[in-house]
Amino acid sequence: MKKAPKRIANTIINALKGGVVPRVGLPYIAVGRDAEIDALLHDVEIIQDGGATFRFVVGKYGSGKSFLLQTIRSYAMDRNFVVIDADLSPERRLHGGQGQGLATYKELIRNMSTKTRPEGGALTLILDRWISGVQSAVAAESSQAVGSPEFAAAVEARIHETVGALSEMVHGFDFAQLLVMYYRSYVEDNDEMKARVVKWFRGEYANKTEARRELGVGICITDDDWYEYVKLFACFLKQAGYAGMLVLIDELVNIYKIPNAISRQYNYEKILTMYNDTLQGKARYLGIIMGGTPQAVEDRRRGVYSYEALRSRLAEGRFAGAQYKDMLAPVIQLVPLSYEELLVLAGRLQDIHAGLFGYEPTLSDEDLALFIKTEFERVGAHTHITPREVIRDFIELLDILHQNPGMTLQGLMESDAFAAPTTVAPASPAAGVAAGERTASDFAEFSL
């Protein structure tokens, strides 16, 4: 694989050591998840053909949910998709009485990304590119001089024709009116009015009065209807020359944590609305992927499954289970990475780390296998350890070896910090050892 540039290598190492997913350089560290990626890329093809999809990606903290979402984000942008993404938080929900739903919309639009603007903030670029594309098309078909009043009228007529299809959708007329207003401001070099229109698209008008005073439109984006504008954006982006729009929403656990049951139900109702719209054909050129922990989704007291209408749609059927995974189901359960995949990942991380700090990789495949073996020999590792912990430990190991040239991997592995216990005491008397047979060495020392 091609060597990662130092800027990207630095971002990868720092992000992974901090326990977060880097937004750049994912192809350098992508390992495994082939079945999950293939399933989601199949969804991308459906969206590109004018359909809509909805998926949940479910896995424990650190299991790779966010990494998978960011990987699909990169693939989708390479296929000329516009991607918007946001992490839910106490201040950002799908529905809220104090602006939490609108805050999620603002974050999604702020992170609007394309292949040429992968870091976000692509809204203005998309609008300007759309207008330039319409002007180029009209210039190619017309003999009128560019810049003449006749040419401007022809372009505006084409824009009205383009956005006319949006008028049939909910709030589509006002959305189309704002697009025409942006075009006129573009032609007249009225940067102030352009900024006001962009401000409206970003959901930053507090109320209708403010929007009417500055733009002359009697509507603004609110907590209740922000999702309708996401659907409008998806259709508009197709008209603007893009393949469609992908929406990534992570950290569903923040809905699970809402203490008020009524508020949680409103949020789950919003998810149900999105789910029904995409699967019933009410949305077009739109894909939605949500990430959450098993507890946030499957808990029948507070999770997504506590809302019966969602549980009955999302729960696994009779045949899917641990042995056979249905990757075409609405919920994708992430399985742990295999030892071989972790070994390949460790090798790639060593190459990136060596390129960043300017040294030759010294750890052999046997050394990497020893590290993986030591990690999984810890008590409870087979059921509780996640790729995030393994990666963080490995980068820490590389840092220590680089800063201490005299230290060997074998010596570090045999130190107190890394040495795995040779025996594991049974968890309970029922496991084969009576309580009275335990010795003092079976218990950890502690003080009050």
Protein backbone atom coordinates (compact mmCIF):
# COMPACT_ATOMS: atom_id res chain seq x y z
CA MET A 1 0.00 0.00 0.00
CA LYS A 2 1.16 3.54 -0.76
CA LYS A 3 2.88 5.33 2.12
CA ALA A 4 0.68 7.73 4.07
CA PRO A 5 1.75 11.42 3.97
CA LYS A 6 2.98 12.72 7.30
CA ARG A 7 0.00 15.03 7.78
CA ILE A 8 -2.44 12.13 7.38
CA ALA A 9 -0.23 9.75 9.37
CA ASN A 10 -0.14 12.22 12.26
CA THR A 11 -3.94 12.55 12.19
CA ILE A 12 -4.40 8.76 12.13
CA ILE A 13 -2.02 8.04 15.01
CA ASN A 14 -3.25 10.86 17.25
CA ALA A 15 -6.93 10.09 16.62
CA LEU A 16 -6.60 6.35 17.23
CA LYS A 17 -4.50 6.84 20.36
CA GLY A 18 -7.21 9.20 21.62
CA GLY A 19 -9.88 6.57 20.96
CA VAL A 20 -11.63 8.40 18.09
CA VAL A 21 -11.95 7.71 14.36
CA PRO A 22 -9.93 9.94 12.01
CA ARG A 23 -11.92 11.61 9.24
CA VAL A 24 -9.05 11.24 6.76
CA GLY A 25 -6.73 8.38 5.84
CA LEU A 26 -9.19 5.54 6.45
CA PRO A 27 -8.05 3.50 3.41
CA TYR A 28 -4.63 3.14 5.06
CA ILE A 29 -6.10 1.32 8.08
CA ALA A 30 -9.28 -0.29 6.74
CA VAL A 31 -9.25 -3.99 7.67
CA GLY A 32 -12.10 -6.50 7.68
CA ARG A 33 -15.80 -5.59 7.70
CA ASP A 34 -16.06 -6.75 4.08
CA ALA A 35 -19.58 -8.14 4.46
CA GLU A 36 -20.85 -5.02 6.22
CA ILE A 37 -19.24 -2.68 3.69
CA ASP A 38 -20.64 -4.68 0.76
CA ALA A 39 -24.14 -4.52 2.27
CA LEU A 40 -23.97 -0.75 2.77
CA LEU A 41 -22.50 -0.18 -0.68
CA HIS A 42 -25.46 -2.11 -2.09
CA ASP A 43 -27.63 0.49 -0.34
CA VAL A 44 -25.60 3.24 -2.01
CA GLU A 45 -26.45 1.76 -5.41
CA ILE A 46 -30.16 1.73 -4.52
CA ILE A 47 -29.98 5.40 -3.49
CA GLN A 48 -28.19 6.28 -6.72
CA ASP A 49 -31.05 4.69 -8.69
CA GLY A 50 -33.61 6.92 -6.96
CA GLY A 51 -34.49 4.74 -3.97
CA ALA A 52 -34.04 5.26 -0.24
CA THR A 53 -32.58 3.07 2.51
CA PHE A 54 -32.40 2.94 6.30
CA ARG A 55 -29.92 0.97 8.43
CA PHE A 56 -28.86 0.60 12.03
CA VAL A 57 -25.22 -0.33 12.76
CA VAL A 58 -25.07 -1.89 16.22
CA GLY A 59 -21.98 -2.71 18.24
CA LYS A 60 -20.34 -2.23 21.62
CA TYR A 61 -18.30 0.85 22.47
CA GLY A 62 -15.04 0.63 20.54
CA SER A 63 -16.20 -2.21 18.28
CA GLY A 64 -15.86 -0.17 15.10
CA LYS A 65 -19.28 1.46 14.52
CA SER A 66 -17.91 4.93 13.94
CA PHE A 67 -15.07 3.54 11.83
CA LEU A 68 -17.55 1.72 9.60
CA LEU A 69 -19.68 4.85 9.24
CA GLN A 70 -16.65 6.95 8.30
CA THR A 71 -15.51 4.28 5.82
CA ILE A 72 -18.90 4.32 4.09
CA ARG A 73 -18.74 8.11 4.16
CA SER A 74 -15.49 8.01 2.16
CA TYR A 75 -16.84 5.44 -0.31
CA ALA A 76 -20.03 7.44 -0.85
CA MET A 77 -18.18 10.72 -1.48
CA ASP A 78 -15.96 8.95 -4.01
CA ARG A 79 -19.18 7.98 -5.83
CA ASN A 80 -20.30 11.63 -6.08
CA PHE A 81 -22.62 11.55 -3.06
CA VAL A 82 -23.15 14.38 -0.64
CA VAL A 83 -22.74 13.14 2.94
CA ILE A 84 -24.04 14.84 6.08
CA ASP A 85 -23.22 13.44 9.51
CA ALA A 86 -23.74 14.28 13.18
CA ASP A 87 -23.25 12.72 16.60
CA LEU A 88 -26.22 12.94 18.92
CA SER A 89 -25.69 14.51 22.35
CA PRO A 90 -27.82 15.94 25.19
CA GLU A 91 -28.11 19.13 23.10
CA ARG A 92 -28.67 17.33 19.78
CA ARG A 93 -31.58 14.92 19.43
CA LEU A 94 -33.98 13.92 16.68
CA HIS A 95 -36.81 15.72 18.45
CA GLY A 96 -36.88 18.19 21.30
CA GLY A 97 -38.97 20.98 22.69
CA GLN A 98 -36.03 23.34 23.18
CA GLY A 99 -34.33 23.27 19.81
CA GLN A 100 -32.53 19.92 20.14
CA GLY A 101 -33.92 18.59 16.86
CA LEU A 102 -33.00 21.78 15.00
CA ALA A 103 -29.52 21.60 16.58
CA THR A 104 -29.06 18.18 14.96
CA TYR A 105 -30.13 19.61 11.59
CA LYS A 106 -27.65 22.49 11.95
CA GLU A 107 -24.85 20.04 12.74
CA LEU A 108 -25.77 17.87 9.74
CA ILE A 109 -25.73 20.83 7.35
CA ARG A 110 -22.53 22.21 8.88
CA ASN A 111 -20.87 18.84 8.15
CA MET A 112 -22.20 18.63 4.59
CA SER A 113 -19.32 17.12 2.62
CA THR A 114 -18.45 16.25 -0.96
CA LYS A 115 -15.44 14.64 -2.61
CA THR A 116 -13.87 18.06 -3.19
CA ARG A 117 -14.78 19.34 0.29
CA PRO A 118 -14.50 16.26 2.55
CA GLU A 119 -14.00 18.27 5.75
CA GLY A 120 -17.53 19.72 5.66
CA GLY A 121 -19.00 23.15 5.01
CA ALA A 122 -19.83 22.35 1.39
CA LEU A 123 -23.29 23.98 1.19
CA THR A 124 -22.18 27.21 -0.52
CA LEU A 125 -19.88 25.28 -2.83
CA ILE A 126 -22.77 23.02 -3.87
CA LEU A 127 -25.10 25.95 -4.59
CA ASP A 128 -22.47 27.81 -6.64
CA ARG A 129 -21.55 24.65 -8.53
CA TRP A 130 -25.22 24.05 -9.33
CA ILE A 131 -25.67 27.56 -10.75
CA SER A 132 -22.46 27.28 -12.79
CA GLY A 133 -23.67 23.95 -14.16
CA VAL A 134 -27.01 25.42 -15.23
CA GLN A 135 -25.28 28.39 -16.87
CA SER A 136 -22.91 26.08 -18.75
CA ALA A 137 -25.79 23.92 -19.97
CA VAL A 138 -27.75 26.95 -21.20
CA ALA A 139 -24.66 28.43 -22.86
CA ALA A 140 -24.04 25.16 -24.72
CA GLU A 141 -27.63 25.00 -26.00
CA SER A 142 -28.19 28.69 -26.72
CA SER A 143 -26.63 31.22 -29.08
CA GLN A 144 -27.26 34.10 -26.67
CA ALA A 145 -24.27 36.01 -25.34
CA VAL A 146 -23.21 35.06 -21.83
CA GLY A 147 -24.01 37.94 -19.49
CA SER A 148 -26.80 39.37 -21.61
CA PRO A 149 -30.29 39.93 -20.13
CA GLU A 150 -31.67 37.27 -22.48
CA PHE A 151 -29.10 34.75 -21.28
CA ALA A 152 -29.90 35.53 -17.60
CA ALA A 153 -33.61 35.07 -18.33
CA ALA A 154 -32.95 31.73 -20.02
CA VAL A 155 -30.86 30.54 -17.06
CA GLU A 156 -33.55 31.58 -14.59
CA ALA A 157 -36.18 29.78 -16.66
CA ARG A 158 -34.02 26.62 -16.55
CA ILE A 159 -33.61 26.99 -12.79
CA HIS A 160 -37.38 27.32 -12.36
CA GLU A 161 -37.75 24.16 -14.42
CA THR A 162 -35.15 22.34 -12.30
CA VAL A 163 -36.64 23.26 -8.93
CA GLY A 164 -40.22 22.86 -10.12
CA ALA A 165 -40.21 19.18 -9.17
CA LEU A 166 -39.49 20.15 -5.56
CA SER A 167 -42.70 22.20 -5.30
CA GLU A 168 -44.81 19.06 -4.97
CA MET A 169 -43.04 18.03 -1.77
CA VAL A 170 -43.80 19.29 1.73
CA HIS A 171 -42.33 22.82 2.05
CA GLY A 172 -41.03 22.38 -1.48
CA PHE A 173 -42.44 25.66 -2.80
CA ASP A 174 -40.61 27.75 -0.20
CA PHE A 175 -37.44 25.71 -0.67
CA ALA A 176 -37.56 26.32 -4.43
CA GLN A 177 -38.26 30.02 -3.86
CA LEU A 178 -35.11 30.29 -1.75
CA LEU A 179 -33.04 28.57 -4.44
CA VAL A 180 -34.25 31.09 -7.05
CA MET A 181 -33.48 33.90 -4.60
CA TYR A 182 -29.94 32.55 -4.20
CA TYR A 183 -29.50 32.49 -7.98
CA ARG A 184 -30.59 36.12 -8.36
CA SER A 185 -28.20 37.17 -5.60
CA TYR A 186 -25.44 35.20 -7.33
CA VAL A 187 -26.05 36.98 -10.63
CA GLU A 188 -26.27 40.41 -8.99
CA ASP A 189 -23.17 39.79 -6.81
CA ASN A 190 -25.29 40.51 -3.75
CA ASP A 191 -23.17 38.73 -1.15
CA GLU A 192 -25.33 39.94 1.72
CA MET A 193 -28.48 38.35 0.33
CA LYS A 194 -26.58 35.16 -0.55
CA ALA A 195 -25.41 34.93 3.05
CA ARG A 196 -29.00 35.35 4.28
CA VAL A 197 -30.25 32.56 2.03
CA VAL A 198 -27.45 30.25 3.19
CA LYS A 199 -28.29 31.18 6.77
CA TRP A 200 -31.88 30.07 6.11
CA PHE A 201 -30.76 26.75 4.59
CA ARG A 202 -28.60 26.17 7.67
CA GLY A 203 -31.62 26.57 9.95
CA GLU A 204 -30.19 29.61 11.74
CA TYR A 205 -33.30 31.82 11.72
CA ALA A 206 -34.86 31.84 15.17
CA ASN A 207 -38.45 32.43 14.00
CA LYS A 208 -40.65 33.26 11.02
CA THR A 209 -40.68 36.98 11.84
CA GLU A 210 -36.92 37.23 11.48
CA ALA A 211 -36.99 35.23 8.22
CA ARG A 212 -39.78 37.43 6.80
CA ARG A 213 -37.93 40.63 7.75
CA GLU A 214 -34.64 39.61 6.10
CA LEU A 215 -35.79 37.40 3.23
CA GLY A 216 -39.48 38.02 2.70
CA VAL A 217 -40.42 34.37 3.29
CA GLY A 218 -42.90 33.45 6.01
CA ILE A 219 -41.36 30.12 6.98
CA CYS A 220 -38.24 28.82 8.72
CA ILE A 221 -36.84 25.42 9.63
CA THR A 222 -37.97 24.20 13.06
CA ASP A 223 -37.67 21.26 15.43
CA ASP A 224 -40.81 19.68 14.02
CA ASP A 225 -40.08 19.78 10.28
CA TRP A 226 -36.28 19.68 9.84
CA TYR A 227 -36.41 16.15 8.45
CA GLU A 228 -38.69 17.32 5.61
CA TYR A 229 -35.91 19.67 4.51
CA VAL A 230 -33.40 16.82 4.56
CA LYS A 231 -35.64 15.01 2.04
CA LEU A 232 -35.85 18.20 -0.03
CA PHE A 233 -32.07 18.54 -0.02
CA ALA A 234 -31.71 14.94 -1.25
CA CYS A 235 -33.94 15.59 -4.28
CA PHE A 236 -32.32 18.96 -4.99
CA LEU A 237 -28.82 17.48 -4.89
CA LYS A 238 -29.81 14.98 -7.56
CA GLN A 239 -30.99 17.90 -9.71
CA ALA A 240 -27.68 19.63 -8.99
CA GLY A 241 -25.68 16.77 -10.50
CA TYR A 242 -24.90 14.63 -7.46
CA ALA A 243 -25.75 10.94 -7.05
CA GLY A 244 -27.78 11.44 -3.86
CA MET A 245 -27.39 12.13 -0.15
CA LEU A 246 -26.27 9.91 2.71
CA VAL A 247 -27.16 10.83 6.32
CA LEU A 248 -25.00 9.38 9.12
CA ILE A 249 -26.23 9.74 12.71
CA ASP A 250 -24.10 8.24 15.49
CA GLU A 251 -24.37 7.92 19.28
CA LEU A 252 -27.99 6.79 19.55
CA VAL A 253 -27.16 6.05 23.16
CA ASN A 254 -27.90 9.72 23.89
CA ILE A 255 -31.57 9.06 23.14
CA TYR A 256 -31.44 5.98 25.37
CA LYS A 257 -30.11 8.22 28.18
CA ILE A 258 -33.00 10.71 28.01
CA PRO A 259 -34.58 10.45 31.49
CA ASN A 260 -38.10 11.46 30.42
CA ALA A 261 -40.02 8.59 28.84
CA ILE A 262 -42.28 10.90 26.78
CA SER A 263 -39.26 12.67 25.26
CA ARG A 264 -37.72 9.32 24.36
CA GLN A 265 -40.93 8.23 22.66
CA TYR A 266 -41.03 11.40 20.56
CA ASN A 267 -37.48 10.68 19.39
CA TYR A 268 -38.35 7.08 18.54
CA GLU A 269 -41.41 8.33 16.64
CA LYS A 270 -39.07 10.47 14.53
CA ILE A 271 -36.96 7.39 13.80
CA LEU A 272 -40.12 5.51 12.83
CA THR A 273 -41.09 8.33 10.46
CA MET A 274 -37.68 8.19 8.79
CA TYR A 275 -37.80 4.40 8.58
CA ASN A 276 -41.28 4.35 7.04
CA ASP A 277 -40.48 7.13 4.56
CA THR A 278 -37.38 5.42 3.22
CA LEU A 279 -38.85 1.93 2.95
CA GLN A 280 -42.25 3.02 1.59
CA GLY A 281 -40.81 5.17 -1.19
CA LYS A 282 -41.78 8.55 0.29
CA ALA A 283 -38.14 9.67 0.15
CA ARG A 284 -35.85 9.57 -2.88
CA TYR A 285 -32.08 9.64 -3.34
CA LEU A 286 -31.69 9.42 0.43
CA GLY A 287 -29.91 6.95 2.69
CA ILE A 288 -29.91 7.03 6.50
CA ILE A 289 -27.52 5.06 8.72
CA MET A 290 -27.71 5.25 12.52
CA GLY A 291 -25.11 3.85 14.91
CA GLY A 292 -25.74 2.71 18.47
CA THR A 293 -24.81 0.20 21.16
CA PRO A 294 -26.75 -3.07 21.64
CA GLN A 295 -28.26 -1.69 24.85
CA ALA A 296 -29.41 1.54 23.17
CA VAL A 297 -31.18 -0.46 20.46
CA GLU A 298 -32.34 -3.71 22.07
CA ASP A 299 -33.28 -2.65 25.61
CA ARG A 300 -37.07 -3.05 25.79
CA ARG A 301 -37.40 -0.64 28.70
CA ARG A 302 -35.57 2.44 27.33
CA GLY A 303 -33.97 1.52 24.00
CA VAL A 304 -35.27 1.63 20.43
CA TYR A 305 -37.06 -1.67 21.02
CA SER A 306 -39.09 -0.07 23.82
CA TYR A 307 -41.12 1.47 21.00
CA GLU A 308 -43.15 -1.50 19.86
CA ALA A 309 -43.73 -0.21 16.32
CA LEU A 310 -39.94 -0.14 15.81
CA ARG A 311 -39.22 -3.39 17.62
CA SER A 312 -41.66 -5.33 15.46
CA ARG A 313 -39.99 -3.94 12.33
CA LEU A 314 -36.36 -4.29 13.37
CA ALA A 315 -36.08 -7.43 15.53
CA GLU A 316 -34.40 -10.47 13.97
CA GLY A 317 -36.62 -13.21 12.60
CA ARG A 318 -36.55 -16.92 13.35
CA PHE A 319 -33.63 -17.87 11.14
CA ALA A 320 -31.02 -15.15 11.64
CA GLY A 321 -28.75 -15.46 14.65
CA ALA A 322 -25.19 -16.03 15.78
CA GLN A 323 -24.47 -18.61 13.08
CA TYR A 324 -26.10 -16.88 10.11
CA LYS A 325 -26.03 -13.10 9.76
CA ASP A 326 -28.52 -11.35 7.50
CA MET A 327 -26.65 -8.37 6.08
CA LEU A 328 -29.75 -7.25 4.20
CA ALA A 329 -31.73 -6.75 7.42
CA PRO A 330 -32.36 -3.22 8.77
CA VAL A 331 -30.02 -3.88 11.72
CA ILE A 332 -26.36 -4.83 11.10
CA GLN A 333 -24.76 -6.40 14.17
CA LEU A 334 -20.99 -5.89 14.22
CA VAL A 335 -18.98 -9.02 15.02
CA PRO A 336 -15.47 -8.73 16.54
CA LEU A 337 -12.50 -8.52 14.22
CA SER A 338 -10.65 -11.84 13.85
CA TYR A 339 -7.10 -12.34 15.14
CA GLU A 340 -5.82 -12.34 11.55
CA GLU A 341 -7.51 -9.01 10.81
CA LEU A 342 -6.07 -7.46 13.96
CA LEU A 343 -2.63 -8.76 12.95
CA VAL A 344 -2.92 -7.08 9.55
CA LEU A 345 -4.12 -3.87 11.22
CA ALA A 346 -1.17 -3.90 13.63
CA GLY A 347 1.22 -4.25 10.70
CA ARG A 348 -0.32 -1.26 8.92
CA LEU A 349 -0.21 0.86 12.07
CA GLN A 350 3.47 0.03 12.55
CA ASP A 351 4.22 1.17 8.98
CA ILE A 352 2.29 4.44 9.50
CA HIS A 353 3.99 5.06 12.86
CA ALA A 354 7.44 4.37 11.38
CA GLY A 355 6.77 6.70 8.45
CA LEU A 356 5.61 9.45 10.79
CA PHE A 357 8.65 9.33 13.09
CA GLY A 358 11.21 8.37 10.46
CA TYR A 359 12.48 4.93 11.49
CA GLU A 360 12.51 1.46 9.97
CA PRO A 361 9.84 -0.94 11.30
CA THR A 362 11.50 -3.52 13.54
CA LEU A 363 8.62 -5.70 14.74
CA SER A 364 8.25 -8.98 12.86
CA ASP A 365 5.00 -10.82 12.22
CA GLU A 366 5.89 -13.07 15.16
CA ASP A 367 6.25 -9.99 17.40
CA LEU A 368 2.87 -8.67 16.29
CA ALA A 369 1.29 -12.08 16.91
CA LEU A 370 2.82 -12.11 20.41
CA PHE A 371 1.24 -8.73 21.12
CA ILE A 372 -2.20 -9.88 19.93
CA LYS A 373 -1.87 -13.10 21.93
CA THR A 374 -0.92 -11.18 25.07
CA GLU A 375 -3.86 -8.80 24.66
CA PHE A 376 -6.36 -11.63 24.44
CA GLU A 377 -4.90 -13.58 27.35
CA ARG A 378 -6.22 -11.01 29.78
CA VAL A 379 -9.17 -12.05 31.92
CA GLY A 380 -12.44 -11.58 30.05
CA ALA A 381 -10.70 -10.33 26.90
CA HIS A 382 -12.50 -12.68 24.52
CA THR A 383 -15.88 -11.20 25.41
CA HIS A 384 -15.06 -7.65 26.45
CA ILE A 385 -11.98 -6.39 24.60
CA THR A 386 -12.67 -4.21 21.55
CA PRO A 387 -10.55 -3.11 18.57
CA ARG A 388 -10.33 0.36 20.12
CA GLU A 389 -8.50 -1.00 23.19
CA VAL A 390 -6.17 -3.19 21.15
CA ILE A 391 -5.28 -0.33 18.80
CA ARG A 392 -4.72 2.11 21.65
CA ASP A 393 -2.44 -0.36 23.46
CA PHE A 394 -0.49 -1.07 20.30
CA ILE A 395 0.14 2.59 19.50
CA GLU A 396 1.23 3.12 23.10
CA LEU A 397 3.62 0.18 22.72
CA LEU A 398 5.04 1.67 19.51
CA ASP A 399 5.50 5.04 21.23
CA ILE A 400 7.37 3.45 24.15
CA LEU A 401 9.63 1.38 21.89
CA HIS A 402 10.42 4.45 19.77
CA GLN A 403 11.26 6.59 22.82
CA ASN A 404 13.30 3.84 24.47
CA PRO A 405 15.63 2.36 21.82
CA GLY A 406 17.14 -0.07 24.31
CA MET A 407 13.78 -1.65 25.12
CA THR A 408 12.71 -4.80 23.30
CA LEU A 409 9.18 -5.97 22.66
CA GLN A 410 9.86 -9.18 24.57
CA GLY A 411 11.04 -7.22 27.58
CA LEU A 412 8.06 -4.91 27.44
CA MET A 413 5.64 -7.81 27.15
CA GLU A 414 7.14 -9.47 30.19
CA SER A 415 6.80 -6.32 32.30
CA ASP A 416 4.07 -6.01 34.93
CA ALA A 417 1.99 -3.74 32.70
CA PHE A 418 1.64 -6.25 29.87
CA ALA A 419 2.13 -9.69 31.42
CA ALA A 420 -1.04 -11.75 31.30
CA PRO A 421 -2.06 -13.86 34.31
CA THR A 422 -1.08 -17.49 33.95
CA THR A 423 -4.14 -18.75 35.80
CA VAL A 424 -7.63 -17.46 36.21
CA ALA A 425 -9.61 -18.17 39.39
CA PRO A 426 -13.11 -19.59 38.76
CA ALA A 427 -15.82 -16.97 38.80
CA SER A 428 -18.04 -18.67 41.38
CA PRO A 429 -18.19 -21.72 43.68
CA ALA A 430 -20.43 -23.37 41.11
CA ALA A 431 -17.54 -23.28 38.64
CA GLY A 432 -15.74 -26.00 40.61
CA VAL A 433 -14.14 -24.37 43.67
CA ALA A 434 -15.97 -24.02 46.93
CA ALA A 435 -15.89 -20.64 48.61
CA GLY A 436 -14.09 -22.05 51.60
CA GLU A 437 -11.25 -23.39 49.45
CA ARG A 438 -10.12 -19.94 48.26
CA THR A 439 -6.85 -18.50 49.52
CA ALA A 440 -5.81 -14.95 50.19
CA SER A 441 -3.93 -14.82 46.88
CA ASP A 442 -7.22 -15.23 45.02
CA PHE A 443 -8.33 -11.76 46.09
CA ALA A 444 -6.96 -8.34 45.18
CA GLU A 445 -5.55 -6.20 47.96
CA PHE A 446 -7.31 -2.96 48.70
CA SER A 447 -7.52 -0.36 51.45
CA LEU A 448 -10.23 2.02 52.61
